[in-house]
Amino acid sequence: MGLTIFLAIVGVYFIISLILLPFQYRFLIALKAEEAKNRRKGRKQGDMYDRMNAGELSLHGNMQGNPLFLLANIMASILYRIKHANKN
């Protein structure tokens, strides 16, 4: 009984992560584009975060630090590296 409940929770978490994957992937693409734009302007990554308003900074922190998004973040990062491997 306990194993069934554990597997159900893991399964639901995996399904939630698959649902969140496209959102996390788009967020990662936008973040990489912003970093590239700042790099072309000669700014450092820290400057990018210093220039964010409080709402953007809070959203970024939540998208990257929320445990609910952990698996989706990992999968989005792997997907990004696979799709953009030849561009770097």
PDB file of N, CA and C in Angstrom:
ATOM      1  N   MET A   1       0.818  -1.196   0.000  1.00  0.00           N
ATOM      2  CA  MET A   1       0.000   0.000   0.000  1.00  0.00           C
ATOM      3  C   MET A   1       0.864   1.263   0.000  1.00  0.00           C
ATOM      4  N   GLY A   2       1.911   1.279   0.841  1.00  0.00           N
ATOM      5  CA  GLY A   2       2.792   2.444   0.924  1.00  0.00           C
ATOM      6  C   GLY A   2       3.562   2.662  -0.364  1.00  0.00           C
ATOM      7  N   LEU A   3       3.996   1.564  -1.006  1.00  0.00           N
ATOM      8  CA  LEU A   3       4.725   1.669  -2.271  1.00  0.00           C
ATOM      9  C   LEU A   3       3.825   2.208  -3.375  1.00  0.00           C
ATOM     10  N   THR A   4       2.573   1.795  -3.372  1.00  0.00           N
ATOM     11  CA  THR A   4       1.622   2.266  -4.378  1.00  0.00           C
ATOM     12  C   THR A   4       1.408   3.773  -4.251  1.00  0.00           C
ATOM     13  N   ILE A   5       1.269   4.235  -3.026  1.00  0.00           N
ATOM     14  CA  ILE A   5       1.082   5.676  -2.806  1.00  0.00           C
ATOM     15  C   ILE A   5       2.329   6.442  -3.238  1.00  0.00           C
ATOM     16  N   PHE A   6       3.500   5.934  -2.893  1.00  0.00           N
ATOM     17  CA  PHE A   6       4.750   6.583  -3.288  1.00  0.00           C
ATOM     18  C   PHE A   6       4.870   6.653  -4.806  1.00  0.00           C
ATOM     19  N   LEU A   7       4.586   5.547  -5.480  1.00  0.00           N
ATOM     20  CA  LEU A   7       4.667   5.535  -6.945  1.00  0.00           C
ATOM     21  C   LEU A   7       3.630   6.458  -7.577  1.00  0.00           C
ATOM     22  N   ALA A   8       2.466   6.562  -6.957  1.00  0.00           N
ATOM     23  CA  ALA A   8       1.438   7.479  -7.465  1.00  0.00           C
ATOM     24  C   ALA A   8       1.905   8.917  -7.331  1.00  0.00           C
ATOM     25  N   ILE A   9       2.513   9.252  -6.204  1.00  0.00           N
ATOM     26  CA  ILE A   9       3.019  10.618  -6.002  1.00  0.00           C
ATOM     27  C   ILE A   9       4.132  10.929  -6.992  1.00  0.00           C
ATOM     28  N   VAL A  10       5.051   9.985  -7.188  1.00  0.00           N
ATOM     29  CA  VAL A  10       6.136  10.187  -8.150  1.00  0.00           C
ATOM     30  C   VAL A  10       5.571  10.322  -9.562  1.00  0.00           C
ATOM     31  N   GLY A  11       4.573   9.522  -9.894  1.00  0.00           N
ATOM     32  CA  GLY A  11       3.945   9.600 -11.215  1.00  0.00           C
ATOM     33  C   GLY A  11       3.267  10.937 -11.450  1.00  0.00           C
ATOM     34  N   VAL A  12       2.551  11.430 -10.449  1.00  0.00           N
ATOM     35  CA  VAL A  12       1.884  12.734 -10.567  1.00  0.00           C
ATOM     36  C   VAL A  12       2.924  13.842 -10.711  1.00  0.00           C
ATOM     37  N   TYR A  13       4.015  13.753  -9.936  1.00  0.00           N
ATOM     38  CA  TYR A  13       5.079  14.749 -10.042  1.00  0.00           C
ATOM     39  C   TYR A  13       5.704  14.729 -11.436  1.00  0.00           C
ATOM     40  N   PHE A  14       5.905  13.546 -11.984  1.00  0.00           N
ATOM     41  CA  PHE A  14       6.465  13.431 -13.329  1.00  0.00           C
ATOM     42  C   PHE A  14       5.521  14.021 -14.368  1.00  0.00           C
ATOM     43  N   ILE A  15       4.244  13.760 -14.235  1.00  0.00           N
ATOM     44  CA  ILE A  15       3.258  14.317 -15.186  1.00  0.00           C
ATOM     45  C   ILE A  15       3.221  15.840 -15.075  1.00  0.00           C
ATOM     46  N   ILE A  16       3.248  16.365 -13.852  1.00  0.00           N
ATOM     47  CA  ILE A  16       3.281  17.818 -13.664  1.00  0.00           C
ATOM     48  C   ILE A  16       4.540  18.400 -14.302  1.00  0.00           C
ATOM     49  N   SER A  17       5.659  17.712 -14.143  1.00  0.00           N
ATOM     50  CA  SER A  17       6.914  18.181 -14.738  1.00  0.00           C
ATOM     51  C   SER A  17       6.830  18.185 -16.261  1.00  0.00           C
ATOM     52  N   LEU A  18       6.193  17.185 -16.840  1.00  0.00           N
ATOM     53  CA  LEU A  18       6.027  17.162 -18.298  1.00  0.00           C
ATOM     54  C   LEU A  18       5.129  18.293 -18.769  1.00  0.00           C
ATOM     55  N   ILE A  19       4.119  18.626 -17.984  1.00  0.00           N
ATOM     56  CA  ILE A  19       3.232  19.738 -18.339  1.00  0.00           C
ATOM     57  C   ILE A  19       3.990  21.067 -18.248  1.00  0.00           C
ATOM     58  N   LEU A  20       4.864  21.194 -17.241  1.00  0.00           N
ATOM     59  CA  LEU A  20       5.616  22.436 -17.038  1.00  0.00           C
ATOM     60  C   LEU A  20       6.824  22.563 -17.965  1.00  0.00           C
ATOM     61  N   LEU A  21       7.238  21.482 -18.580  1.00  0.00           N
ATOM     62  CA  LEU A  21       8.440  21.491 -19.418  1.00  0.00           C
ATOM     63  C   LEU A  21       8.412  22.546 -20.519  1.00  0.00           C
ATOM     64  N   PRO A  22       7.347  22.690 -21.309  1.00  0.00           N
ATOM     65  CA  PRO A  22       7.370  23.726 -22.355  1.00  0.00           C
ATOM     66  C   PRO A  22       7.521  25.140 -21.797  1.00  0.00           C
ATOM     67  N   PHE A  23       6.915  25.400 -20.642  1.00  0.00           N
ATOM     68  CA  PHE A  23       7.026  26.730 -20.036  1.00  0.00           C
ATOM     69  C   PHE A  23       8.454  26.985 -19.563  1.00  0.00           C
ATOM     70  N   GLN A  24       9.046  26.002 -18.932  1.00  0.00           N
ATOM     71  CA  GLN A  24      10.415  26.142 -18.461  1.00  0.00           C
ATOM     72  C   GLN A  24      11.385  26.276 -19.628  1.00  0.00           C
ATOM     73  N   TYR A  25      11.134  25.542 -20.704  1.00  0.00           N
ATOM     74  CA  TYR A  25      11.999  25.615 -21.881  1.00  0.00           C
ATOM     75  C   TYR A  25      11.931  27.006 -22.499  1.00  0.00           C
ATOM     76  N   ARG A  26      10.729  27.557 -22.638  1.00  0.00           N
ATOM     77  CA  ARG A  26      10.595  28.910 -23.190  1.00  0.00           C
ATOM     78  C   ARG A  26      11.245  29.945 -22.271  1.00  0.00           C
ATOM     79  N   PHE A  27      11.113  29.757 -20.970  1.00  0.00           N
ATOM     80  CA  PHE A  27      11.759  30.656 -20.019  1.00  0.00           C
ATOM     81  C   PHE A  27      13.274  30.586 -20.167  1.00  0.00           C
ATOM     82  N   LEU A  28      13.817  29.394 -20.342  1.00  0.00           N
ATOM     83  CA  LEU A  28      15.261  29.216 -20.500  1.00  0.00           C
ATOM     84  C   LEU A  28      15.748  29.856 -21.794  1.00  0.00           C
ATOM     85  N   ILE A  29      14.990  29.714 -22.870  1.00  0.00           N
ATOM     86  CA  ILE A  29      15.360  30.347 -24.142  1.00  0.00           C
ATOM     87  C   ILE A  29      15.373  31.869 -23.996  1.00  0.00           C
ATOM     88  N   ALA A  30      14.352  32.415 -23.341  1.00  0.00           N
ATOM     89  CA  ALA A  30      14.295  33.866 -23.148  1.00  0.00           C
ATOM     90  C   ALA A  30      15.443  34.344 -22.261  1.00  0.00           C
ATOM     91  N   LEU A  31      15.774  33.581 -21.242  1.00  0.00           N
ATOM     92  CA  LEU A  31      16.869  33.942 -20.358  1.00  0.00           C
ATOM     93  C   LEU A  31      18.202  33.913 -21.100  1.00  0.00           C
ATOM     94  N   LYS A  32      18.414  32.893 -21.926  1.00  0.00           N
ATOM     95  CA  LYS A  32      19.660  32.805 -22.701  1.00  0.00           C
ATOM     96  C   LYS A  32      19.751  33.942 -23.712  1.00  0.00           C
ATOM     97  N   ALA A  33      18.616  34.306 -24.321  1.00  0.00           N
ATOM     98  CA  ALA A  33      18.610  35.417 -25.275  1.00  0.00           C
ATOM     99  C   ALA A  33      18.940  36.730 -24.575  1.00  0.00           C
ATOM    100  N   GLU A  34      18.395  36.923 -23.386  1.00  0.00           N
ATOM    101  CA  GLU A  34      18.681  38.131 -22.616  1.00  0.00           C
ATOM    102  C   GLU A  34      20.154  38.186 -22.214  1.00  0.00           C
ATOM    103  N   GLU A  35      20.705  37.029 -21.826  1.00  0.00           N
ATOM    104  CA  GLU A  35      22.129  36.975 -21.479  1.00  0.00           C
ATOM    105  C   GLU A  35      23.000  37.296 -22.694  1.00  0.00           C
ATOM    106  N   ALA A  36      22.626  36.771 -23.864  1.00  0.00           N
ATOM    107  CA  ALA A  36      23.398  37.052 -25.080  1.00  0.00           C
ATOM    108  C   ALA A  36      23.321  38.532 -25.445  1.00  0.00           C
ATOM    109  N   LYS A  37      22.138  39.121 -25.298  1.00  0.00           N
ATOM    110  CA  LYS A  37      21.967  40.545 -25.596  1.00  0.00           C
ATOM    111  C   LYS A  37      22.829  41.392 -24.661  1.00  0.00           C
ATOM    112  N   ASN A  38      22.845  41.034 -23.399  1.00  0.00           N
ATOM    113  CA  ASN A  38      23.669  41.772 -22.441  1.00  0.00           C
ATOM    114  C   ASN A  38      25.155  41.562 -22.699  1.00  0.00           C
ATOM    115  N   ARG A  39      25.527  40.360 -23.122  1.00  0.00           N
ATOM    116  CA  ARG A  39      26.931  40.077 -23.435  1.00  0.00           C
ATOM    117  C   ARG A  39      27.390  40.928 -24.618  1.00  0.00           C
ATOM    118  N   ARG A  40      26.519  41.090 -25.619  1.00  0.00           N
ATOM    119  CA  ARG A  40      26.866  41.926 -26.779  1.00  0.00           C
ATOM    120  C   ARG A  40      27.040  43.391 -26.382  1.00  0.00           C
ATOM    121  N   LYS A  41      26.296  43.817 -25.356  1.00  0.00           N
ATOM    122  CA  LYS A  41      26.407  45.197 -24.873  1.00  0.00           C
ATOM    123  C   LYS A  41      27.566  45.364 -23.897  1.00  0.00           C
ATOM    124  N   GLY A  42      28.239  44.272 -23.570  1.00  0.00           N
ATOM    125  CA  GLY A  42      29.373  44.343 -22.666  1.00  0.00           C
ATOM    126  C   GLY A  42      29.002  44.274 -21.201  1.00  0.00           C
ATOM    127  N   ARG A  43      27.767  43.918 -20.903  1.00  0.00           N
ATOM    128  CA  ARG A  43      27.335  43.805 -19.513  1.00  0.00           C
ATOM    129  C   ARG A  43      27.590  42.396 -19.002  1.00  0.00           C
ATOM    130  N   LYS A  44      27.764  42.295 -17.712  1.00  0.00           N
ATOM    131  CA  LYS A  44      27.954  40.995 -17.077  1.00  0.00           C
ATOM    132  C   LYS A  44      26.609  40.450 -16.618  1.00  0.00           C
ATOM    133  N   GLN A  45      26.588  39.171 -16.262  1.00  0.00           N
ATOM    134  CA  GLN A  45      25.343  38.538 -15.853  1.00  0.00           C
ATOM    135  C   GLN A  45      24.770  39.196 -14.598  1.00  0.00           C
ATOM    136  N   GLY A  46      25.632  39.578 -13.683  1.00  0.00           N
ATOM    137  CA  GLY A  46      25.169  40.248 -12.470  1.00  0.00           C
ATOM    138  C   GLY A  46      24.459  41.559 -12.770  1.00  0.00           C
ATOM    139  N   ASP A  47      24.929  42.269 -13.799  1.00  0.00           N
ATOM    140  CA  ASP A  47      24.274  43.517 -14.200  1.00  0.00           C
ATOM    141  C   ASP A  47      22.855  43.258 -14.690  1.00  0.00           C
ATOM    142  N   MET A  48      22.670  42.131 -15.359  1.00  0.00           N
ATOM    143  CA  MET A  48      21.339  41.783 -15.860  1.00  0.00           C
ATOM    144  C   MET A  48      20.362  41.656 -14.687  1.00  0.00           C
ATOM    145  N   TYR A  49      20.797  40.987 -13.628  1.00  0.00           N
ATOM    146  CA  TYR A  49      19.922  40.816 -12.470  1.00  0.00           C
ATOM    147  C   TYR A  49      19.746  42.121 -11.710  1.00  0.00           C
ATOM    148  N   ASP A  50      20.764  42.971 -11.702  1.00  0.00           N
ATOM    149  CA  ASP A  50      20.637  44.264 -11.042  1.00  0.00           C
ATOM    150  C   ASP A  50      19.628  45.157 -11.756  1.00  0.00           C
ATOM    151  N   ARG A  51      19.499  45.011 -13.054  1.00  0.00           N
ATOM    152  CA  ARG A  51      18.589  45.853 -13.834  1.00  0.00           C
ATOM    153  C   ARG A  51      17.149  45.336 -13.851  1.00  0.00           C
ATOM    154  N   MET A  52      16.923  44.109 -13.368  1.00  0.00           N
ATOM    155  CA  MET A  52      15.566  43.564 -13.330  1.00  0.00           C
ATOM    156  C   MET A  52      14.747  44.291 -12.276  1.00  0.00           C
ATOM    157  N   ASN A  53      13.453  44.498 -12.588  1.00  0.00           N
ATOM    158  CA  ASN A  53      12.595  45.073 -11.561  1.00  0.00           C
ATOM    159  C   ASN A  53      12.217  43.971 -10.562  1.00  0.00           C
ATOM    160  N   ALA A  54      11.559  44.358  -9.484  1.00  0.00           N
ATOM    161  CA  ALA A  54      11.264  43.411  -8.406  1.00  0.00           C
ATOM    162  C   ALA A  54      10.384  42.263  -8.881  1.00  0.00           C
ATOM    163  N   GLY A  55       9.426  42.539  -9.764  1.00  0.00           N
ATOM    164  CA  GLY A  55       8.541  41.493 -10.268  1.00  0.00           C
ATOM    165  C   GLY A  55       9.287  40.460 -11.100  1.00  0.00           C
ATOM    166  N   GLU A  56      10.148  40.936 -11.990  1.00  0.00           N
ATOM    167  CA  GLU A  56      10.929  40.008 -12.819  1.00  0.00           C
ATOM    168  C   GLU A  56      11.885  39.186 -11.968  1.00  0.00           C
ATOM    169  N   LEU A  57      12.489  39.829 -10.986  1.00  0.00           N
ATOM    170  CA  LEU A  57      13.428  39.133 -10.115  1.00  0.00           C
ATOM    171  C   LEU A  57      12.727  38.064  -9.281  1.00  0.00           C
ATOM    172  N   SER A  58      11.527  38.382  -8.802  1.00  0.00           N
ATOM    173  CA  SER A  58      10.743  37.419  -8.035  1.00  0.00           C
ATOM    174  C   SER A  58      10.312  36.251  -8.915  1.00  0.00           C
ATOM    175  N   LEU A  59       9.867  36.551 -10.128  1.00  0.00           N
ATOM    176  CA  LEU A  59       9.469  35.497 -11.067  1.00  0.00           C
ATOM    177  C   LEU A  59      10.649  34.599 -11.403  1.00  0.00           C
ATOM    178  N   HIS A  60      11.792  35.198 -11.652  1.00  0.00           N
ATOM    179  CA  HIS A  60      12.981  34.421 -11.978  1.00  0.00           C
ATOM    180  C   HIS A  60      13.377  33.513 -10.809  1.00  0.00           C
ATOM    181  N   GLY A  61      13.352  34.054  -9.616  1.00  0.00           N
ATOM    182  CA  GLY A  61      13.691  33.254  -8.446  1.00  0.00           C
ATOM    183  C   GLY A  61      12.731  32.102  -8.236  1.00  0.00           C
ATOM    184  N   ASN A  62      11.460  32.354  -8.469  1.00  0.00           N
ATOM    185  CA  ASN A  62      10.459  31.301  -8.310  1.00  0.00           C
ATOM    186  C   ASN A  62      10.599  30.232  -9.395  1.00  0.00           C
ATOM    187  N   MET A  63      10.850  30.658 -10.622  1.00  0.00           N
ATOM    188  CA  MET A  63      10.972  29.696 -11.722  1.00  0.00           C
ATOM    189  C   MET A  63      12.205  28.816 -11.555  1.00  0.00           C
ATOM    190  N   GLN A  64      13.257  29.338 -10.976  1.00  0.00           N
ATOM    191  CA  GLN A  64      14.483  28.571 -10.839  1.00  0.00           C
ATOM    192  C   GLN A  64      14.603  27.871  -9.493  1.00  0.00           C
ATOM    193  N   GLY A  65      13.935  28.360  -8.452  1.00  0.00           N
ATOM    194  CA  GLY A  65      14.161  27.822  -7.133  1.00  0.00           C
ATOM    195  C   GLY A  65      13.036  26.999  -6.541  1.00  0.00           C
ATOM    196  N   ASN A  66      11.893  26.963  -7.173  1.00  0.00           N
ATOM    197  CA  ASN A  66      10.756  26.230  -6.633  1.00  0.00           C
ATOM    198  C   ASN A  66      10.985  24.727  -6.807  1.00  0.00           C
ATOM    199  N   PRO A  67      10.876  23.933  -5.737  1.00  0.00           N
ATOM    200  CA  PRO A  67      11.101  22.481  -5.857  1.00  0.00           C
ATOM    201  C   PRO A  67      10.115  21.797  -6.801  1.00  0.00           C
ATOM    202  N   LEU A  68       8.944  22.386  -6.981  1.00  0.00           N
ATOM    203  CA  LEU A  68       7.968  21.805  -7.903  1.00  0.00           C
ATOM    204  C   LEU A  68       8.507  21.815  -9.329  1.00  0.00           C
ATOM    205  N   PHE A  69       9.350  22.797  -9.647  1.00  0.00           N
ATOM    206  CA  PHE A  69       9.881  22.942 -10.998  1.00  0.00           C
ATOM    207  C   PHE A  69      11.221  22.237 -11.209  1.00  0.00           C
ATOM    208  N   LEU A  70      11.749  21.568 -10.193  1.00  0.00           N
ATOM    209  CA  LEU A  70      13.089  20.992 -10.275  1.00  0.00           C
ATOM    210  C   LEU A  70      13.245  20.035 -11.457  1.00  0.00           C
ATOM    211  N   LEU A  71      12.386  19.053 -11.564  1.00  0.00           N
ATOM    212  CA  LEU A  71      12.502  18.084 -12.657  1.00  0.00           C
ATOM    213  C   LEU A  71      12.271  18.755 -14.012  1.00  0.00           C
ATOM    214  N   ALA A  72      11.319  19.677 -14.076  1.00  0.00           N
ATOM    215  CA  ALA A  72      11.062  20.394 -15.331  1.00  0.00           C
ATOM    216  C   ALA A  72      12.270  21.246 -15.711  1.00  0.00           C
ATOM    217  N   ASN A  73      12.936  21.871 -14.727  1.00  0.00           N
ATOM    218  CA  ASN A  73      14.142  22.652 -14.999  1.00  0.00           C
ATOM    219  C   ASN A  73      15.254  21.772 -15.551  1.00  0.00           C
ATOM    220  N   ILE A  74      15.439  20.617 -14.941  1.00  0.00           N
ATOM    221  CA  ILE A  74      16.484  19.702 -15.398  1.00  0.00           C
ATOM    222  C   ILE A  74      16.197  19.235 -16.814  1.00  0.00           C
ATOM    223  N   MET A  75      14.946  18.835 -17.065  1.00  0.00           N
ATOM    224  CA  MET A  75      14.595  18.357 -18.410  1.00  0.00           C
ATOM    225  C   MET A  75      14.704  19.474 -19.446  1.00  0.00           C
ATOM    226  N   ALA A  76      14.293  20.695 -19.090  1.00  0.00           N
ATOM    227  CA  ALA A  76      14.391  21.821 -20.020  1.00  0.00           C
ATOM    228  C   ALA A  76      15.848  22.145 -20.321  1.00  0.00           C
ATOM    229  N   SER A  77      16.695  22.070 -19.309  1.00  0.00           N
ATOM    230  CA  SER A  77      18.121  22.331 -19.504  1.00  0.00           C
ATOM    231  C   SER A  77      18.749  21.283 -20.423  1.00  0.00           C
ATOM    232  N   ILE A  78      18.412  20.034 -20.217  1.00  0.00           N
ATOM    233  CA  ILE A  78      18.929  18.962 -21.073  1.00  0.00           C
ATOM    234  C   ILE A  78      18.429  19.141 -22.499  1.00  0.00           C
ATOM    235  N   LEU A  79      17.143  19.442 -22.652  1.00  0.00           N
ATOM    236  CA  LEU A  79      16.568  19.652 -23.982  1.00  0.00           C
ATOM    237  C   LEU A  79      17.229  20.835 -24.679  1.00  0.00           C
ATOM    238  N   TYR A  80      17.479  21.912 -23.936  1.00  0.00           N
ATOM    239  CA  TYR A  80      18.128  23.089 -24.514  1.00  0.00           C
ATOM    240  C   TYR A  80      19.542  22.743 -24.984  1.00  0.00           C
ATOM    241  N   ARG A  81      20.286  22.020 -24.151  1.00  0.00           N
ATOM    242  CA  ARG A  81      21.654  21.655 -24.531  1.00  0.00           C
ATOM    243  C   ARG A  81      21.672  20.738 -25.740  1.00  0.00           C
ATOM    244  N   ILE A  82      20.718  19.847 -25.860  1.00  0.00           N
ATOM    245  CA  ILE A  82      20.670  18.951 -27.014  1.00  0.00           C
ATOM    246  C   ILE A  82      20.320  19.744 -28.283  1.00  0.00           C
ATOM    247  N   LYS A  83      19.307  20.600 -28.185  1.00  0.00           N
ATOM    248  CA  LYS A  83      18.870  21.342 -29.375  1.00  0.00           C
ATOM    249  C   LYS A  83      19.859  22.405 -29.804  1.00  0.00           C
ATOM    250  N   HIS A  84      20.607  22.976 -28.869  1.00  0.00           N
ATOM    251  CA  HIS A  84      21.516  24.072 -29.189  1.00  0.00           C
ATOM    252  C   HIS A  84      22.985  23.675 -29.071  1.00  0.00           C
ATOM    253  N   ALA A  85      23.264  22.402 -29.147  1.00  0.00           N
ATOM    254  CA  ALA A  85      24.638  21.911 -28.991  1.00  0.00           C
ATOM    255  C   ALA A  85      25.541  22.407 -30.132  1.00  0.00           C
ATOM    256  N   ASN A  86      25.039  22.431 -31.347  1.00  0.00           N
ATOM    257  CA  ASN A  86      25.863  22.827 -32.484  1.00  0.00           C
ATOM    258  C   ASN A  86      25.956  24.333 -32.654  1.00  0.00           C
ATOM    259  N   LYS A  87      25.154  25.116 -31.932  1.00  0.00           N
ATOM    260  CA  LYS A  87      25.167  26.574 -32.077  1.00  0.00           C
ATOM    261  C   LYS A  87      26.223  27.229 -31.212  1.00  0.00           C
ATOM    262  N   ASN A  88      26.743  26.516 -30.222  1.00  0.00           N
ATOM    263  CA  ASN A  88      27.747  27.117 -29.331  1.00  0.00           C
ATOM    264  C   ASN A  88      29.103  26.757 -29.742  1.00  0.00           C
TER     265      ASN A  88
END
